[in-house]
C-alpha atoms as a PDB file:
ATOM      1  CA  MET A   1    -151.241 -56.941 -15.145  1.00  0.00           C
ATOM      2  CA  ASN A   2    -152.483 -55.642 -11.813  1.00  0.00           C
ATOM      3  CA  HIS A   3    -152.001 -58.084  -8.990  1.00  0.00           C
ATOM      4  CA  ILE A   4    -154.201 -57.001  -6.084  1.00  0.00           C
ATOM      5  CA  PRO A   5    -155.611 -59.040  -3.207  1.00  0.00           C
ATOM      6  CA  SER A   6    -159.182 -60.206  -3.606  1.00  0.00           C
ATOM      7  CA  ARG A   7    -161.853 -59.617  -0.996  1.00  0.00           C
ATOM      8  CA  LYS A   8    -161.531 -63.262   0.035  1.00  0.00           C
ATOM      9  CA  ALA A   9    -157.738 -62.974   0.456  1.00  0.00           C
ATOM     10  CA  MET A  10    -158.117 -59.833   2.570  1.00  0.00           C
ATOM     11  CA  LYS A  11    -160.713 -61.502   4.772  1.00  0.00           C
ATOM     12  CA  LYS A  12    -158.521 -64.581   5.184  1.00  0.00           C
ATOM     13  CA  MET A  13    -155.508 -62.455   6.155  1.00  0.00           C
ATOM     14  CA  ARG A  14    -157.539 -60.498   8.721  1.00  0.00           C
ATOM     15  CA  LYS A  15    -158.746 -63.804  10.179  1.00  0.00           C
ATOM     16  CA  LYS A  16    -155.158 -65.085  10.475  1.00  0.00           C
ATOM     17  CA  ILE A  17    -154.101 -61.888  12.243  1.00  0.00           C
ATOM     18  CA  LYS A  18    -157.061 -62.006  14.604  1.00  0.00           C
ATOM     19  CA  ASP A  19    -156.534 -65.681  15.412  1.00  0.00           C
ATOM     20  CA  TYR A  20    -152.898 -64.988  16.222  1.00  0.00           C
ATOM     21  CA  THR A  21    -153.517 -61.980  18.481  1.00  0.00           C
ATOM     22  CA  GLN A  22    -156.811 -62.933  20.138  1.00  0.00           C
ATOM     23  CA  PRO A  23    -156.103 -65.736  22.685  1.00  0.00           C
ATOM     24  CA  ARG A  24    -155.885 -64.496  26.237  1.00  0.00           C
ATOM     25  CA  SER A  25    -153.114 -67.004  26.897  1.00  0.00           C
ATOM     26  CA  LYS A  26    -150.823 -64.838  24.761  1.00  0.00           C
ATOM     27  CA  LEU A  27    -151.133 -61.921  27.184  1.00  0.00           C
ATOM     28  CA  LEU A  28    -148.063 -63.315  28.916  1.00  0.00           C
ATOM     29  CA  MET A  29    -146.018 -62.616  25.778  1.00  0.00           C
ATOM     30  CA  ASP A  30    -144.090 -59.421  25.284  1.00  0.00           C
ATOM     31  CA  ILE A  31    -145.343 -57.218  22.442  1.00  0.00           C
ATOM     32  CA  LYS A  32    -142.013 -57.653  20.641  1.00  0.00           C
ATOM     33  CA  ASP A  33    -142.487 -61.423  20.593  1.00  0.00           C
ATOM     34  CA  MET A  34    -146.032 -60.921  19.319  1.00  0.00           C
ATOM     35  CA  VAL A  35    -144.750 -58.702  16.499  1.00  0.00           C
ATOM     36  CA  LYS A  36    -142.055 -61.221  15.608  1.00  0.00           C
ATOM     37  CA  GLY A  37    -144.700 -63.914  15.085  1.00  0.00           C
ATOM     38  CA  LEU A  38    -146.915 -61.557  13.083  1.00  0.00           C
ATOM     39  CA  ASN A  39    -144.012 -60.485  10.873  1.00  0.00           C
ATOM     40  CA  ARG A  40    -143.742 -64.001   9.446  1.00  0.00           C
ATOM     41  CA  LYS A  41    -147.366 -63.917   8.300  1.00  0.00           C
ATOM     42  CA  LEU A  42    -147.144 -60.355   7.017  1.00  0.00           C
ATOM     43  CA  GLN A  43    -143.913 -60.880   5.080  1.00  0.00           C
ATOM     44  CA  GLY A  44    -145.411 -63.727   3.065  1.00  0.00           C
ATOM     45  CA  PHE A  45    -148.498 -61.671   2.213  1.00  0.00           C
ATOM     46  CA  LYS A  46    -146.296 -58.728   1.250  1.00  0.00           C
ATOM     47  CA  ASN A  47    -144.033 -60.838  -0.971  1.00  0.00           C
ATOM     48  CA  TYR A  48    -147.011 -62.225  -2.856  1.00  0.00           C
ATOM     49  CA  TYR A  49    -149.037 -59.051  -3.391  1.00  0.00           C
ATOM     50  CA  GLN A  50    -146.554 -56.210  -3.596  1.00  0.00           C
ATOM     51  CA  LEU A  51    -145.799 -56.828  -7.251  1.00  0.00           C
ATOM     52  CA  SER A  52    -147.998 -54.027  -8.537  1.00  0.00           C
ATOM     53  CA  PRO A  53    -148.095 -50.412  -7.385  1.00  0.00           C
ATOM     54  CA  LEU A  54    -151.911 -50.557  -7.215  1.00  0.00           C
ATOM     55  CA  SER A  55    -151.811 -53.063  -4.359  1.00  0.00           C
ATOM     56  CA  LYS A  56    -150.627 -50.440  -1.836  1.00  0.00           C
ATOM     57  CA  ARG A  57    -154.201 -49.291  -1.328  1.00  0.00           C
ATOM     58  CA  TRP A  58    -155.224 -52.725  -0.064  1.00  0.00           C
ATOM     59  CA  LEU A  59    -152.014 -53.391   1.842  1.00  0.00           C
ATOM     60  CA  ASN A  60    -152.520 -50.142   3.790  1.00  0.00           C
ATOM     61  CA  ARG A  61    -155.798 -51.559   5.071  1.00  0.00           C
ATOM     62  CA  ILE A  62    -154.029 -54.646   6.426  1.00  0.00           C
ATOM     63  CA  ASP A  63    -151.365 -52.427   8.032  1.00  0.00           C
ATOM     64  CA  TRP A  64    -154.067 -50.457   9.831  1.00  0.00           C
ATOM     65  CA  TYR A  65    -155.813 -53.651  10.948  1.00  0.00           C
ATOM     66  CA  VAL A  66    -152.557 -55.032  12.374  1.00  0.00           C
ATOM     67  CA  LEU A  67    -152.034 -51.836  14.368  1.00  0.00           C
ATOM     68  CA  GLN A  68    -155.581 -52.028  15.735  1.00  0.00           C
ATOM     69  CA  ARG A  69    -155.153 -55.658  16.787  1.00  0.00           C
ATOM     70  CA  LEU A  70    -151.802 -54.927  18.439  1.00  0.00           C
ATOM     71  CA  ASN A  71    -153.367 -51.973  20.228  1.00  0.00           C
ATOM     72  CA  LEU A  72    -156.170 -54.175  21.567  1.00  0.00           C
ATOM     73  CA  PHE A  73    -153.559 -56.707  22.705  1.00  0.00           C
ATOM     74  CA  ASN A  74    -151.480 -54.011  24.380  1.00  0.00           C
ATOM     75  CA  ASN A  75    -154.476 -52.493  26.176  1.00  0.00           C
ATOM     76  CA  LYS A  76    -155.700 -55.900  27.363  1.00  0.00           C
ATOM     77  CA  LYS A  77    -152.219 -56.668  28.641  1.00  0.00           C
ATOM     78  CA  ARG A  78    -152.081 -53.418  30.605  1.00  0.00           C
ATOM     79  CA  ASN A  79    -155.698 -53.775  31.785  1.00  0.00           C
ATOM     80  CA  ARG A  80    -156.715 -50.404  30.403  1.00  0.00           C
ATOM     81  CA  ARG A  81    -160.340 -49.406  30.526  1.00  0.00           C
ATOM     82  CA  HIS A  82    -160.610 -47.860  27.054  1.00  0.00           C
ATOM     83  CA  LYS A  83    -159.615 -50.702  24.774  1.00  0.00           C
ATOM     84  CA  HIS A  84    -159.243 -48.684  21.563  1.00  0.00           C
ATOM     85  CA  ALA A  85    -157.312 -45.784  23.078  1.00  0.00           C
ATOM     86  CA  TYR A  86    -153.543 -45.235  23.336  1.00  0.00           C
ATOM     87  CA  ILE A  87    -152.764 -46.294  19.764  1.00  0.00           C
ATOM     88  CA  GLN A  88    -149.801 -43.893  19.686  1.00  0.00           C
ATOM     89  CA  ASP A  89    -148.140 -45.897  22.469  1.00  0.00           C
ATOM     90  CA  THR A  90    -148.506 -49.049  20.413  1.00  0.00           C
ATOM     91  CA  VAL A  91    -147.154 -47.362  17.281  1.00  0.00           C
ATOM     92  CA  ARG A  92    -144.163 -46.109  19.264  1.00  0.00           C
ATOM     93  CA  GLU A  93    -143.421 -49.586  20.672  1.00  0.00           C
ATOM     94  CA  THR A  94    -143.644 -51.352  17.301  1.00  0.00           C
ATOM     95  CA  GLN A  95    -142.308 -48.613  15.066  1.00  0.00           C
ATOM     96  CA  PHE A  96    -139.051 -50.212  13.931  1.00  0.00           C
ATOM     97  CA  ILE A  97    -139.841 -53.902  14.349  1.00  0.00           C
ATOM     98  CA  LEU A  98    -143.200 -54.318  12.584  1.00  0.00           C
ATOM     99  CA  VAL A  99    -143.215 -55.150   8.867  1.00  0.00           C
ATOM    100  CA  LYS A 100    -145.184 -52.560   6.918  1.00  0.00           C
ATOM    101  CA  LEU A 101    -146.930 -54.057   3.914  1.00  0.00           C
ATOM    102  CA  ALA A 102    -147.433 -50.880   1.934  1.00  0.00           C
ATOM    103  CA  GLY A 103    -144.241 -49.141   2.996  1.00  0.00           C
END
């Protein structure tokens, strides 16, 4: 039996991630605190869907989305002009503390 996330489950997870990272009031938080809160949501999703090896394809998409949202948060916090740039800085800051779903 292949246990992969449905389109609806993926959309719901992206919405949860966006709702958690979007408010401007969270710009006062450190990125490590932001990751700690996200890890709780990600760990539950990972525990439920990582039963089959086929699910890695979909879990990689959520991993990439989390990195994009954290990058937007980081760039807003630092008041950078190009909001989608500097993703390597974000990867470096969250490298050992962020839960990877597919990894």
